[in-house]
Amino acid sequence: RVVKAADKYDLKEKSGASMSTSRERATIAAMSREARADSDGLARCVHRRLVAALGETDRKIQGKNLAVLRENYFGAAILTEIGFLTHRATARKLASPAYRQQIGDAIAEGILDYLKANP
């Protein structure tokens, strides 16, 4: 992954300085670790708001090895799973514009909480 990121994000061109391949890889690895930590913090903030706002079963925060999350090197990234459309009660709720607004508001409040805690 680090080699792939180093190839994709050529730090030498962006910084205007020459970096060794090993230094470039170490930099990308550090960026990846920092992005994962940021993502964990954002996930906690959004999760807390969603659980409080929706009153649904708390399915906890789950880490998945998905490319959209794994290959993120430049900041927080999360995916939220709000419910299952195959569950009739959830499908009915999701059909409601008011319920979808509650979801959007909770996600937005979680993001704001994260940003306030991480200026």
Protein backbone atom coordinates (compact mmCIF):
# COMPACT_ATOMS: atom_id res chain seq x y z
CA ARG A 1 0.00 0.00 0.00
CA VAL A 2 2.76 2.41 0.88
CA VAL A 3 4.55 1.82 -2.43
CA LYS A 4 1.28 2.36 -4.29
CA ALA A 5 0.63 5.62 -2.40
CA ALA A 6 4.18 6.83 -2.93
CA ASP A 7 3.74 6.29 -6.66
CA LYS A 8 0.33 7.97 -6.67
CA TYR A 9 1.28 10.98 -4.53
CA ASP A 10 4.70 12.05 -5.72
CA LEU A 11 5.89 14.07 -2.75
CA LYS A 12 9.05 15.24 -4.53
CA GLU A 13 7.03 17.24 -7.05
CA LYS A 14 4.73 18.71 -4.42
CA SER A 15 7.41 19.74 -1.98
CA GLY A 16 9.92 20.89 -4.56
CA ALA A 17 12.56 18.95 -2.64
CA SER A 18 14.24 15.69 -3.38
CA MET A 19 13.26 12.81 -1.11
CA SER A 20 14.71 9.34 -1.10
CA THR A 21 12.34 6.52 -1.92
CA SER A 22 12.63 5.14 1.61
CA ARG A 23 11.95 8.58 3.13
CA GLU A 24 9.00 9.05 0.79
CA ARG A 25 7.57 5.68 1.79
CA ALA A 26 8.06 6.45 5.47
CA THR A 27 6.25 9.78 4.99
CA ILE A 28 3.30 8.10 3.26
CA ALA A 29 3.15 5.43 5.99
CA ALA A 30 3.06 8.13 8.67
CA MET A 31 0.33 9.98 6.76
CA SER A 32 -1.67 6.76 6.58
CA ARG A 33 -1.37 6.17 10.35
CA GLU A 34 -2.43 9.75 11.05
CA ALA A 35 -5.39 9.48 8.67
CA ARG A 36 -6.52 6.26 10.42
CA ALA A 37 -6.35 7.97 13.82
CA ASP A 38 -8.32 10.93 12.47
CA SER A 39 -10.87 8.55 10.96
CA ASP A 40 -11.31 6.76 14.30
CA GLY A 41 -11.99 10.06 16.05
CA LEU A 42 -14.48 11.17 13.41
CA ALA A 43 -16.23 7.80 13.54
CA ARG A 44 -16.66 8.07 17.32
CA CYS A 45 -18.15 11.58 17.06
CA VAL A 46 -20.59 10.69 14.27
CA HIS A 47 -21.52 7.37 15.91
CA ARG A 48 -22.29 9.07 19.22
CA ARG A 49 -24.61 11.57 17.51
CA LEU A 50 -26.36 8.95 15.37
CA VAL A 51 -27.07 6.66 18.31
CA ALA A 52 -28.41 9.55 20.40
CA ALA A 53 -30.56 11.00 17.62
CA LEU A 54 -32.07 7.86 16.15
CA GLY A 55 -32.57 5.63 19.18
CA GLU A 56 -31.67 2.57 17.11
CA THR A 57 -29.74 -0.46 18.29
CA ASP A 58 -26.10 0.44 18.82
CA ARG A 59 -24.22 -1.81 16.38
CA LYS A 60 -20.89 -0.31 17.51
CA ILE A 61 -18.13 1.08 15.32
CA GLN A 62 -16.71 -1.57 13.05
CA GLY A 63 -13.49 -1.26 11.10
CA LYS A 64 -13.52 -2.78 7.63
CA ASN A 65 -10.66 -3.28 5.23
CA LEU A 66 -12.29 -1.37 2.36
CA ALA A 67 -10.23 0.42 -0.30
CA VAL A 68 -12.09 3.70 0.17
CA LEU A 69 -10.90 3.73 3.80
CA ARG A 70 -7.65 1.80 3.52
CA GLU A 71 -6.24 3.94 0.72
CA ASN A 72 -6.96 7.25 2.43
CA TYR A 73 -3.80 9.17 3.29
CA PHE A 74 -4.95 12.77 3.68
CA GLY A 75 -7.51 13.06 6.45
CA ALA A 76 -10.46 11.46 8.16
CA ALA A 77 -12.68 9.10 6.19
CA ILE A 78 -15.68 7.11 7.38
CA LEU A 79 -18.61 5.20 5.97
CA THR A 80 -21.89 5.09 7.84
CA GLU A 81 -24.39 2.29 7.63
CA ILE A 82 -27.74 3.66 8.70
CA GLY A 83 -29.88 0.58 8.36
CA PHE A 84 -30.89 -2.33 6.20
CA LEU A 85 -33.52 -1.82 3.52
CA THR A 86 -34.36 -5.52 3.75
CA HIS A 87 -35.66 -4.83 7.26
CA ARG A 88 -39.21 -3.59 6.71
CA ALA A 89 -39.40 -1.29 9.73
CA THR A 90 -36.12 0.37 8.77
CA ALA A 91 -37.20 0.71 5.15
CA ARG A 92 -40.39 2.46 6.29
CA LYS A 93 -38.40 4.88 8.44
CA LEU A 94 -35.95 5.62 5.63
CA ALA A 95 -38.87 6.44 3.35
CA SER A 96 -39.64 9.38 5.65
CA PRO A 97 -38.01 12.71 4.71
CA ALA A 98 -38.10 13.72 8.40
CA TYR A 99 -36.15 10.60 9.42
CA ARG A 100 -33.58 11.17 6.67
CA GLN A 101 -33.24 14.76 7.89
CA GLN A 102 -32.58 13.45 11.43
CA ILE A 103 -29.83 11.23 10.01
CA GLY A 104 -28.26 14.09 8.08
CA ASP A 105 -28.43 16.41 11.08
CA ALA A 106 -26.81 13.81 13.35
CA ILE A 107 -23.98 13.20 10.88
CA ALA A 108 -23.42 16.95 10.48
CA GLU A 109 -23.39 17.46 14.26
CA GLY A 110 -20.89 14.61 14.64
CA ILE A 111 -18.61 16.19 12.05
CA LEU A 112 -18.85 19.54 13.84
CA ASP A 113 -18.04 17.84 17.17
CA TYR A 114 -14.96 16.30 15.57
CA LEU A 115 -13.84 19.59 14.06
CA LYS A 116 -14.27 21.43 17.36
CA ALA A 117 -12.20 18.78 19.17
CA ASN A 118 -9.51 18.80 16.44
CA PRO A 119 -8.94 22.41 15.37
